Amino acid sequence: MKRLPDPPILPIIALFGVGQCLVYERTGSLFAVIAIHAAFNTFATLSISPLPAIVVGTLVILGCVLTPRLFGRWPSPVPA
């Protein structure tokens, strides 16, 4: 059976990085960017080790959601 070639990873990662920058510009918070990155990494590592990926990914995403709610938003380093 012939295997399909892997997609070029560099353009995919570059687009992901641009998207992360746009999310930061829109929200002004690194927590959103970290949560999206954690979700991406969780999805990417599901085939390697599913249980640790799900546990760690869920904990990081929950931390990114709960931290600003518990402690308030910290001021952005960029003036609004």
Protein backbone atom coordinates (compact mmCIF):
# COMPACT_ATOMS: atom_id res chain seq x y z
CA MET A 1 0.00 0.00 0.00
CA LYS A 2 1.35 3.37 -0.99
CA ARG A 3 1.67 5.89 1.83
CA LEU A 4 0.70 9.52 1.34
CA PRO A 5 3.53 12.00 1.90
CA ASP A 6 3.57 13.98 5.11
CA PRO A 7 2.45 17.59 4.76
CA PRO A 8 5.22 20.19 4.97
CA ILE A 9 5.30 20.99 8.67
CA LEU A 10 7.06 24.36 8.57
CA PRO A 11 4.22 26.28 6.84
CA ILE A 12 1.71 24.70 9.24
CA ILE A 13 3.73 25.77 12.27
CA ALA A 14 4.24 29.24 10.78
CA LEU A 15 0.48 29.68 10.30
CA PHE A 16 -0.08 28.44 13.83
CA GLY A 17 2.38 31.05 15.12
CA VAL A 18 0.69 33.84 13.17
CA GLY A 19 -2.64 32.73 14.59
CA GLN A 20 -1.21 32.77 18.10
CA CYS A 21 0.06 36.33 17.56
CA LEU A 22 -3.38 37.42 16.38
CA VAL A 23 -5.02 35.84 19.43
CA TYR A 24 -2.59 37.68 21.72
CA GLU A 25 -3.21 40.98 19.91
CA ARG A 26 -6.97 40.49 20.20
CA THR A 27 -7.09 39.32 23.84
CA GLY A 28 -4.01 40.99 25.31
CA SER A 29 -3.48 37.86 27.40
CA LEU A 30 -0.90 35.11 27.21
CA PHE A 31 -3.29 32.73 28.95
CA ALA A 32 -5.36 32.34 25.77
CA VAL A 33 -2.24 31.67 23.72
CA ILE A 34 -0.93 29.12 26.24
CA ALA A 35 -4.30 27.34 26.32
CA ILE A 36 -4.45 27.09 22.52
CA HIS A 37 -0.86 25.83 22.42
CA ALA A 38 -1.66 23.23 25.09
CA ALA A 39 -4.68 22.05 23.09
CA PHE A 40 -2.53 21.80 19.94
CA ASN A 41 0.16 19.82 21.77
CA THR A 42 -2.45 17.58 23.40
CA PHE A 43 -3.93 16.74 20.01
CA ALA A 44 -0.45 16.18 18.53
CA THR A 45 0.61 13.72 21.25
CA LEU A 46 -2.59 11.68 21.49
CA SER A 47 -1.20 8.92 19.28
CA ILE A 48 2.04 8.69 21.30
CA SER A 49 0.71 8.64 24.86
CA PRO A 50 -3.01 9.40 25.08
CA LEU A 51 -3.60 9.37 28.84
CA PRO A 52 -0.72 11.69 29.84
CA ALA A 53 -1.54 13.98 26.91
CA ILE A 54 -5.16 14.31 27.99
CA VAL A 55 -4.35 14.77 31.68
CA VAL A 56 -1.58 17.34 31.20
CA GLY A 57 -3.43 19.18 28.42
CA THR A 58 -6.59 19.41 30.50
CA LEU A 59 -4.70 20.67 33.56
CA VAL A 60 -2.87 23.35 31.57
CA ILE A 61 -6.05 24.53 29.85
CA LEU A 62 -7.94 24.63 33.17
CA GLY A 63 -5.08 26.59 34.71
CA CYS A 64 -5.21 29.10 31.87
CA VAL A 65 -8.96 29.52 32.27
CA LEU A 66 -9.06 29.65 36.07
CA THR A 67 -5.97 31.75 36.84
CA PRO A 68 -7.29 35.03 35.36
CA ARG A 69 -10.68 34.42 36.98
CA LEU A 70 -9.20 33.81 40.42
CA PHE A 71 -6.47 36.44 40.42
CA GLY A 72 -7.79 38.98 37.91
CA ARG A 73 -6.20 40.08 34.70
CA TRP A 74 -2.76 41.48 35.04
CA PRO A 75 -1.95 44.63 33.13
CA SER A 76 -0.80 44.15 29.58
CA PRO A 77 2.84 45.02 28.86
CA VAL A 78 1.62 46.99 25.84
CA PRO A 79 -0.29 50.20 26.55
CA ALA A 80 -3.91 49.99 25.41
